Amino acid sequence: MELESLRDGPVVVGTDGSESATQAVRWAADLAASGNRPLRIVHAFTYVQGFYGGDLPVSPDVYRAMEDEGRQFLVDAEQLARGRAPELDIETAMPLQGSVPMLVQESETAGVLVVGKSGRGGFAGMLVGSTSVSLAAHAQCPVVVVRGGTDDGISGSGPVVVGIDGSGVSVSAVGMAFREASVLGARLVAVHAWSDVEHDWNVPGGSADSAQAETEEVVLAEALAGWTERYPDVEVERVVVPGRPRQHLLERSRDARLLVVGTRGRGGFRGMLLGSTSQTVIHHAGCPVMVVRPPHH
């Protein structure tokens, strides 16, 4: 049972004034309040970038206008958060830094980092902004990409869903999933899809398939071992199914409050920071997605 991944720290959320960021702030405030954690709201204050690269000359008036706009983003975000949780301990910051470097640095001390699925700089047609994908791969703490129907924040009756494949990465994800399910008072659905190919139900399974299924039941049981004792308040539903993990996780995400996955699974290629399943659910899940990296990764 990995304990190191359950690092204490504030819930950090990035804002740029977009509707996506507003949803992220709303969700982050609810998460911080539910776990009695402080909330830190940050905005990256950067110069206007030239279309072909490099910095454009910025007059003092334009610079001040950009700074005022950024500070207003923070004021609006703090007001939104306080409206949802008046007693919340809130801190704001606006460093002169690019958004990804800033948030990666914030992740070194954060407990959880929360971002919207896209921002003001996103190109039309991009399902998830480059900031969200970069952070999921490089942050030093769990990252939540807020997507799906989240206008009501984190409230709801849906479960927390976690994808399990028996790898060290998924073990870290299991710990975070139990923690958040306990904090939210949610049921936990542990999904282990034990094949990376589509299962053909027309092919007779026989004893080989039965033996494989029993083996995969053990994989799931070992992944949950210790956590069920540490979080006895969390009701756990165990799901072992043949088929592609991404397919089953996407289906489960439709009614979930949160989907938790690791950065890479058993089939991940060395050197890839985000596996195909993680990338797919970040882009297409019907609920917020938490991506968890293993300790010392």
Protein backbone atom coordinates (compact mmCIF):
# COMPACT_ATOMS: atom_id res chain seq x y z
CA MET A 1 0.00 0.00 0.00
CA GLU A 2 1.60 3.24 -1.18
CA LEU A 3 1.25 6.01 1.40
CA GLU A 4 3.66 8.53 -0.10
CA SER A 5 1.27 9.51 -2.88
CA LEU A 6 -1.27 10.79 -0.34
CA ARG A 7 0.63 14.01 0.29
CA ASP A 8 -1.06 16.73 2.27
CA GLY A 9 -1.16 20.19 0.78
CA PRO A 10 -3.54 22.81 -0.54
CA VAL A 11 -5.92 22.34 -3.42
CA VAL A 12 -4.40 24.53 -6.14
CA VAL A 13 -6.53 25.72 -9.06
CA GLY A 14 -5.48 27.73 -12.10
CA THR A 15 -7.74 30.39 -13.56
CA ASP A 16 -7.65 32.49 -16.72
CA GLY A 17 -11.15 33.89 -16.59
CA SER A 18 -12.60 31.37 -19.02
CA GLU A 19 -15.80 29.42 -18.43
CA SER A 20 -13.73 26.25 -18.21
CA ALA A 21 -11.59 27.84 -15.48
CA THR A 22 -14.73 28.97 -13.65
CA GLN A 23 -15.93 25.36 -13.54
CA ALA A 24 -12.50 24.32 -12.25
CA VAL A 25 -12.59 26.94 -9.47
CA ARG A 26 -16.08 25.84 -8.47
CA TRP A 27 -15.00 22.21 -8.35
CA ALA A 28 -11.74 22.96 -6.52
CA ALA A 29 -13.52 25.03 -3.87
CA ASP A 30 -15.93 22.18 -3.19
CA LEU A 31 -13.07 19.68 -2.98
CA ALA A 32 -11.10 21.88 -0.58
CA ALA A 33 -14.14 22.47 1.61
CA SER A 34 -15.11 18.80 1.73
CA GLY A 35 -11.61 17.82 2.90
CA ASN A 36 -11.02 20.87 5.13
CA ARG A 37 -8.05 21.84 2.96
CA PRO A 38 -6.86 25.33 2.03
CA LEU A 39 -7.48 26.59 -1.51
CA ARG A 40 -4.83 28.39 -3.54
CA ILE A 41 -5.98 30.17 -6.72
CA VAL A 42 -3.30 31.12 -9.24
CA HIS A 43 -3.15 33.00 -12.52
CA ALA A 44 -0.13 33.08 -14.84
CA PHE A 45 0.72 36.66 -15.81
CA THR A 46 2.54 36.51 -19.14
CA TYR A 47 3.43 38.97 -21.86
CA VAL A 48 1.48 38.90 -25.12
CA GLN A 49 3.20 36.40 -27.37
CA GLY A 50 3.86 37.25 -31.01
CA PHE A 51 1.99 35.15 -33.54
CA TYR A 52 5.26 33.90 -35.02
CA GLY A 53 6.97 33.49 -31.66
CA GLY A 54 8.84 35.84 -29.37
CA ASP A 55 7.54 38.65 -27.19
CA LEU A 56 5.73 41.62 -28.64
CA PRO A 57 6.69 45.05 -27.28
CA VAL A 58 4.20 45.93 -24.56
CA SER A 59 3.53 49.53 -23.60
CA PRO A 60 3.16 50.40 -19.89
CA ASP A 61 -0.57 51.00 -20.41
CA VAL A 62 -1.09 47.61 -22.02
CA TYR A 63 1.03 45.95 -19.33
CA ARG A 64 -1.05 47.55 -16.57
CA ALA A 65 -4.27 46.57 -18.33
CA MET A 66 -3.09 42.95 -18.54
CA GLU A 67 -2.08 43.02 -14.88
CA ASP A 68 -5.44 44.51 -13.86
CA GLU A 69 -7.26 41.87 -15.88
CA GLY A 70 -5.31 39.09 -14.19
CA ARG A 71 -6.00 40.48 -10.74
CA GLN A 72 -9.69 40.70 -11.60
CA PHE A 73 -9.64 37.03 -12.61
CA LEU A 74 -8.33 36.23 -9.13
CA VAL A 75 -10.86 38.47 -7.40
CA ASP A 76 -13.73 36.89 -9.31
CA ALA A 77 -12.44 33.38 -8.62
CA GLU A 78 -12.05 34.07 -4.90
CA GLN A 79 -15.57 35.50 -4.71
CA LEU A 80 -16.92 32.41 -6.45
CA ALA A 81 -15.06 30.11 -4.07
CA ARG A 82 -16.18 32.03 -0.98
CA GLY A 83 -19.75 31.94 -2.22
CA ARG A 84 -19.58 28.15 -2.13
CA ALA A 85 -17.60 27.85 1.14
CA PRO A 86 -17.45 31.09 3.19
CA GLU A 87 -15.07 29.64 5.81
CA LEU A 88 -12.57 28.40 3.23
CA ASP A 89 -8.92 29.37 3.74
CA ILE A 90 -8.10 31.00 0.37
CA GLU A 91 -4.83 32.37 -0.99
CA THR A 92 -4.30 33.93 -4.44
CA ALA A 93 -1.15 34.52 -6.48
CA MET A 94 -0.21 35.87 -9.92
CA PRO A 95 3.43 35.09 -10.73
CA LEU A 96 5.09 36.42 -13.87
CA GLN A 97 5.45 33.02 -15.46
CA GLY A 98 4.03 30.79 -18.18
CA SER A 99 0.99 28.78 -17.16
CA VAL A 100 2.53 25.31 -17.44
CA PRO A 101 5.83 26.13 -15.65
CA MET A 102 3.87 27.97 -12.96
CA LEU A 103 1.47 25.10 -12.32
CA VAL A 104 4.22 22.46 -12.41
CA GLN A 105 6.05 24.49 -9.77
CA GLU A 106 2.84 24.78 -7.73
CA SER A 107 2.44 21.01 -7.94
CA GLU A 108 5.62 20.51 -5.90
CA THR A 109 3.78 21.55 -2.72
CA ALA A 110 0.13 21.04 -3.69
CA GLY A 111 -2.00 18.14 -2.53
CA VAL A 112 -4.11 18.28 -5.69
CA LEU A 113 -3.88 20.51 -8.77
CA VAL A 114 -7.13 21.41 -10.56
CA VAL A 115 -7.46 22.83 -14.09
CA GLY A 116 -10.20 23.32 -16.65
CA LYS A 117 -10.37 21.23 -19.78
CA SER A 118 -9.41 24.21 -21.96
CA GLY A 119 -8.61 27.88 -21.56
CA ARG A 120 -8.89 31.22 -23.30
CA GLY A 121 -5.96 30.36 -25.53
CA GLY A 122 -7.46 27.11 -26.77
CA PHE A 123 -8.01 26.61 -30.49
CA ALA A 124 -11.52 25.82 -31.65
CA GLY A 125 -11.99 22.07 -31.88
CA MET A 126 -9.39 21.16 -29.25
CA LEU A 127 -11.15 18.98 -26.69
CA VAL A 128 -8.55 19.51 -23.98
CA GLY A 129 -6.16 22.43 -23.76
CA SER A 130 -2.42 21.87 -24.02
CA THR A 131 -1.98 23.13 -20.44
CA SER A 132 -4.18 20.35 -19.04
CA VAL A 133 -2.42 17.59 -20.98
CA SER A 134 1.07 18.90 -20.15
CA LEU A 135 0.23 19.13 -16.47
CA ALA A 136 -1.19 15.62 -16.33
CA ALA A 137 2.15 14.36 -17.65
CA HIS A 138 4.56 16.54 -15.67
CA ALA A 139 2.96 17.63 -12.39
CA GLN A 140 4.38 16.30 -9.13
CA CYS A 141 0.96 15.78 -7.54
CA PRO A 142 -2.39 14.40 -8.73
CA VAL A 143 -4.02 16.57 -11.40
CA VAL A 144 -7.77 16.92 -11.87
CA VAL A 145 -8.99 17.98 -15.31
CA VAL A 146 -12.51 19.27 -14.77
CA ARG A 147 -14.83 18.22 -17.57
CA GLY A 148 -18.32 16.85 -17.98
CA GLY A 149 -21.45 18.33 -16.42
CA THR A 150 -19.82 20.10 -13.47
CA ASP A 151 -21.90 23.27 -13.10
CA ASP A 152 -22.93 22.07 -9.65
CA GLY A 153 -19.34 21.48 -8.58
CA ILE A 154 -18.46 18.22 -6.90
CA SER A 155 -21.89 17.60 -5.37
CA GLY A 156 -23.94 14.66 -6.53
CA SER A 157 -24.60 11.02 -5.79
CA GLY A 158 -22.28 9.44 -8.34
CA PRO A 159 -19.38 7.18 -7.34
CA VAL A 160 -15.65 7.67 -7.59
CA VAL A 161 -14.35 5.31 -10.30
CA VAL A 162 -10.75 4.10 -10.38
CA GLY A 163 -9.00 2.19 -13.15
CA ILE A 164 -6.76 -0.65 -11.95
CA ASP A 165 -4.31 -2.74 -13.96
CA GLY A 166 -1.97 -4.05 -11.27
CA SER A 167 0.91 -1.72 -12.15
CA GLY A 168 2.72 0.47 -9.63
CA VAL A 169 1.13 3.50 -11.24
CA SER A 170 -2.39 2.22 -10.66
CA VAL A 171 -1.54 1.42 -7.04
CA SER A 172 -0.92 5.13 -6.46
CA ALA A 173 -4.22 5.92 -8.18
CA VAL A 174 -6.05 3.50 -5.88
CA GLY A 175 -4.81 5.34 -2.80
CA MET A 176 -6.02 8.70 -4.09
CA ALA A 177 -9.34 7.20 -5.16
CA PHE A 178 -9.99 5.81 -1.68
CA ARG A 179 -9.01 9.10 -0.08
CA GLU A 180 -11.32 11.20 -2.25
CA ALA A 181 -14.19 8.70 -1.97
CA SER A 182 -13.89 8.88 1.81
CA VAL A 183 -13.78 12.69 1.83
CA LEU A 184 -16.76 12.94 -0.52
CA GLY A 185 -18.78 10.21 1.16
CA ALA A 186 -18.95 8.45 -2.19
CA ARG A 187 -19.04 4.83 -3.23
CA LEU A 188 -15.87 3.56 -4.94
CA VAL A 189 -16.05 1.51 -8.14
CA ALA A 190 -12.76 -0.30 -8.82
CA VAL A 191 -12.60 -1.31 -12.49
CA HIS A 192 -10.06 -3.83 -13.76
CA ALA A 193 -10.33 -4.54 -17.50
CA TRP A 194 -7.94 -7.39 -18.10
CA SER A 195 -7.41 -7.32 -21.84
CA ASP A 196 -6.02 -4.66 -24.18
CA VAL A 197 -8.07 -6.07 -27.08
CA GLU A 198 -11.80 -6.17 -27.63
CA HIS A 199 -13.32 -9.32 -26.19
CA ASP A 200 -15.17 -11.44 -28.72
CA TRP A 201 -18.16 -12.85 -26.91
CA ASN A 202 -18.79 -15.22 -29.87
CA VAL A 203 -15.61 -17.15 -29.18
CA PRO A 204 -16.02 -19.94 -26.60
CA GLY A 205 -14.04 -19.03 -23.50
CA GLY A 206 -13.54 -22.45 -21.97
CA SER A 207 -11.32 -23.16 -19.00
CA ALA A 208 -8.56 -20.84 -20.25
CA ASP A 209 -10.77 -17.77 -20.01
CA SER A 210 -12.10 -18.90 -16.64
CA ALA A 211 -8.58 -19.30 -15.29
CA GLN A 212 -7.60 -15.91 -16.66
CA ALA A 213 -10.61 -14.29 -15.03
CA GLU A 214 -9.68 -15.83 -11.68
CA THR A 215 -6.14 -14.53 -12.07
CA GLU A 216 -7.40 -11.04 -12.78
CA GLU A 217 -9.70 -11.17 -9.74
CA VAL A 218 -6.55 -11.72 -7.69
CA VAL A 219 -4.88 -8.72 -9.37
CA LEU A 220 -7.78 -6.51 -8.31
CA ALA A 221 -7.86 -7.93 -4.78
CA GLU A 222 -4.14 -7.28 -4.35
CA ALA A 223 -4.52 -3.71 -5.62
CA LEU A 224 -7.22 -3.02 -3.03
CA ALA A 225 -5.44 -4.81 -0.18
CA GLY A 226 -4.79 -2.52 2.77
CA TRP A 227 -6.89 0.33 1.46
CA THR A 228 -10.20 -1.26 2.41
CA GLU A 229 -8.91 -1.59 5.98
CA ARG A 230 -7.63 1.99 6.05
CA TYR A 231 -10.92 3.37 4.69
CA PRO A 232 -13.62 1.11 6.19
CA ASP A 233 -16.20 3.84 5.54
CA VAL A 234 -15.83 3.48 1.76
CA GLU A 235 -18.21 1.05 0.07
CA VAL A 236 -16.34 -0.71 -2.76
CA GLU A 237 -17.80 -2.26 -5.89
CA ARG A 238 -15.33 -4.56 -7.65
CA VAL A 239 -15.61 -4.86 -11.43
CA VAL A 240 -13.45 -7.31 -13.41
CA VAL A 241 -14.28 -7.37 -17.11
CA PRO A 242 -12.62 -8.38 -20.37
CA GLY A 243 -12.07 -5.64 -22.92
CA ARG A 244 -10.26 -2.35 -23.39
CA PRO A 245 -9.81 -0.38 -20.14
CA ARG A 246 -10.60 2.92 -21.84
CA GLN A 247 -13.98 1.65 -23.09
CA HIS A 248 -15.14 0.51 -19.66
CA LEU A 249 -13.81 3.59 -17.88
CA LEU A 250 -15.54 5.93 -20.32
CA GLU A 251 -18.82 4.07 -19.84
CA ARG A 252 -18.51 4.28 -16.06
CA SER A 253 -17.58 7.98 -16.21
CA ARG A 254 -21.03 8.93 -17.49
CA ASP A 255 -22.55 8.58 -14.03
CA ALA A 256 -19.41 9.14 -11.93
CA ARG A 257 -18.46 12.07 -9.76
CA LEU A 258 -14.73 11.54 -10.37
CA LEU A 259 -12.63 9.16 -12.49
CA VAL A 260 -9.14 8.32 -11.20
CA VAL A 261 -6.39 6.83 -13.39
CA GLY A 262 -2.62 6.47 -13.34
CA THR A 263 -0.33 8.13 -15.86
CA ARG A 264 0.69 4.87 -17.54
CA GLY A 265 -0.40 1.29 -17.18
CA ARG A 266 1.09 -2.14 -17.74
CA GLY A 267 1.11 -1.64 -21.49
CA GLY A 268 2.74 1.79 -21.44
CA PHE A 269 5.83 2.37 -23.55
CA ARG A 270 8.94 3.43 -21.68
CA GLY A 271 9.47 7.17 -22.04
CA MET A 272 5.77 7.94 -22.49
CA LEU A 273 4.57 10.12 -19.63
CA LEU A 274 0.90 9.59 -20.42
CA GLY A 275 -0.46 6.27 -21.60
CA SER A 276 -3.19 5.87 -24.19
CA THR A 277 -5.90 5.10 -21.63
CA SER A 278 -5.06 8.20 -19.58
CA GLN A 279 -5.05 10.41 -22.66
CA THR A 280 -8.35 8.98 -23.90
CA VAL A 281 -10.24 9.54 -20.65
CA ILE A 282 -8.81 13.06 -20.26
CA HIS A 283 -10.24 13.89 -23.68
CA HIS A 284 -13.56 12.05 -23.56
CA ALA A 285 -14.69 11.23 -20.01
CA GLY A 286 -18.11 12.37 -18.87
CA CYS A 287 -16.83 13.58 -15.48
CA PRO A 288 -13.71 15.22 -13.97
CA VAL A 289 -10.59 13.07 -14.36
CA MET A 290 -7.82 12.75 -11.76
CA VAL A 291 -4.45 11.61 -13.13
CA VAL A 292 -2.03 10.25 -10.53
CA ARG A 293 1.70 9.75 -11.00
CA PRO A 294 3.64 7.24 -8.89
CA PRO A 295 6.04 8.47 -6.18
CA HIS A 296 9.56 9.36 -7.33
CA HIS A 297 8.43 9.25 -10.97
